[in-house]
Amino acid sequence: MEQPAAAAAAPAAASQPVLPWMRVPLNIAAGTGVALSNVQGLHPALLRAVREQLGFVELFPVQAAVWRGLAGGHSTTHDMCICAPTGSGKTLAYALPMLNAILTG
């Protein structure tokens, strides 16, 4: 069956994400976590809780990337969309900057 000419000539831009910040994905390599002692701007109470209550010694790669991208909860100009496997640390990646902003605000 032959397609109509309009359908066959779909614009190339249609495959691009609608939101500009989604057009430049950031790929995070495995094993690029950051030691908690090197996480700049993390409130001391939050650092202590993550270390003692969760038993973390470093942020997972996705958490470190989100922390940098959201400036530890102090950025008002960034949205973040994460696609990562289950167990990669996405929930804490979102929660840390928010909690940090509340504690330091």
Protein backbone atom coordinates (compact mmCIF):
# COMPACT_ATOMS: atom_id res chain seq x y z
CA MET A 1 0.00 0.00 0.00
CA GLU A 2 1.36 3.41 -0.94
CA GLN A 3 1.67 6.12 1.74
CA PRO A 4 0.38 9.64 1.13
CA ALA A 5 3.13 12.11 0.21
CA ALA A 6 2.62 14.15 3.42
CA ALA A 7 3.22 11.13 5.65
CA ALA A 8 6.30 10.04 3.75
CA ALA A 9 7.89 13.51 4.03
CA ALA A 10 7.77 13.82 7.85
CA PRO A 11 10.12 16.55 9.09
CA ALA A 12 13.36 15.44 10.75
CA ALA A 13 12.72 17.77 13.70
CA ALA A 14 9.73 15.66 14.73
CA SER A 15 12.10 13.12 16.33
CA GLN A 16 13.66 15.80 18.59
CA PRO A 17 12.34 16.22 22.15
CA VAL A 18 9.97 19.12 22.59
CA LEU A 19 11.70 20.68 25.60
CA PRO A 20 15.07 22.30 24.83
CA TRP A 21 16.80 20.91 27.95
CA MET A 22 15.92 17.38 26.85
CA ARG A 23 17.78 17.81 23.55
CA VAL A 24 21.22 17.40 25.11
CA PRO A 25 21.23 14.16 27.10
CA LEU A 26 23.94 13.52 29.64
CA ASN A 27 25.25 9.98 29.64
CA ILE A 28 26.66 8.93 32.99
CA ALA A 29 29.37 6.29 32.99
CA ALA A 30 29.22 3.56 35.61
CA GLY A 31 31.69 3.87 38.43
CA THR A 32 31.83 7.67 38.48
CA GLY A 33 30.39 8.09 41.97
CA VAL A 34 31.64 10.81 44.31
CA ALA A 35 32.92 10.20 47.85
CA LEU A 36 30.63 11.89 50.38
CA SER A 37 33.60 13.84 51.71
CA ASN A 38 33.94 15.45 48.25
CA VAL A 39 30.28 16.48 47.88
CA GLN A 40 30.41 20.26 48.12
CA GLY A 41 27.54 22.11 49.73
CA LEU A 42 25.90 19.10 51.41
CA HIS A 43 24.42 20.20 54.76
CA PRO A 44 26.32 18.56 57.67
CA ALA A 45 23.15 17.02 59.14
CA LEU A 46 22.21 15.54 55.78
CA LEU A 47 25.75 14.27 55.25
CA ARG A 48 25.65 12.60 58.67
CA ALA A 49 22.25 11.02 57.98
CA VAL A 50 23.29 9.67 54.58
CA ARG A 51 26.50 8.29 56.03
CA GLU A 52 25.16 6.87 59.32
CA GLN A 53 21.53 5.98 58.55
CA LEU A 54 21.93 4.82 54.96
CA GLY A 55 25.51 3.57 55.27
CA PHE A 56 26.68 5.39 52.12
CA VAL A 57 30.32 6.28 51.59
CA GLU A 58 29.74 7.84 48.17
CA LEU A 59 26.98 9.12 45.95
CA PHE A 60 26.03 6.79 43.11
CA PRO A 61 26.83 8.10 39.61
CA VAL A 62 23.27 9.29 38.92
CA GLN A 63 23.14 11.02 42.33
CA ALA A 64 26.44 12.80 41.72
CA ALA A 65 25.26 13.97 38.28
CA VAL A 66 21.95 15.27 39.61
CA TRP A 67 23.70 16.96 42.55
CA ARG A 68 25.99 18.82 40.13
CA GLY A 69 23.16 19.61 37.70
CA LEU A 70 20.85 20.98 40.38
CA ALA A 71 23.63 22.74 42.30
CA GLY A 72 22.81 20.81 45.44
CA GLY A 73 19.29 22.17 45.57
CA HIS A 74 20.25 25.80 44.97
CA SER A 75 19.52 25.98 41.24
CA THR A 76 16.29 27.63 40.14
CA THR A 77 17.03 27.38 36.43
CA HIS A 78 17.24 23.65 35.84
CA ASP A 79 14.76 20.87 35.29
CA MET A 80 16.01 17.33 35.34
CA CYS A 81 14.64 14.19 33.74
CA ILE A 82 16.33 10.91 34.64
CA CYS A 83 16.15 7.56 32.93
CA ALA A 84 18.19 4.95 34.78
CA PRO A 85 17.79 1.31 35.83
CA THR A 86 16.03 0.26 39.02
CA GLY A 87 18.41 0.42 41.96
CA SER A 88 20.63 3.11 40.43
CA GLY A 89 19.74 5.72 43.07
CA LYS A 90 17.21 7.94 41.26
CA THR A 91 14.98 8.55 44.29
CA LEU A 92 17.82 9.75 46.48
CA ALA A 93 19.18 11.72 43.50
CA TYR A 94 15.98 13.79 43.55
CA ALA A 95 15.57 13.86 47.34
CA LEU A 96 19.08 15.04 48.31
CA PRO A 97 18.94 18.42 46.53
CA MET A 98 15.42 19.07 47.84
CA LEU A 99 16.31 18.21 51.43
CA ASN A 100 19.51 20.19 51.18
CA ALA A 101 17.59 23.25 49.96
CA ILE A 102 15.19 22.95 52.90
CA LEU A 103 18.00 22.59 55.44
CA THR A 104 20.11 25.43 54.05
CA GLY A 105 17.27 27.73 52.99
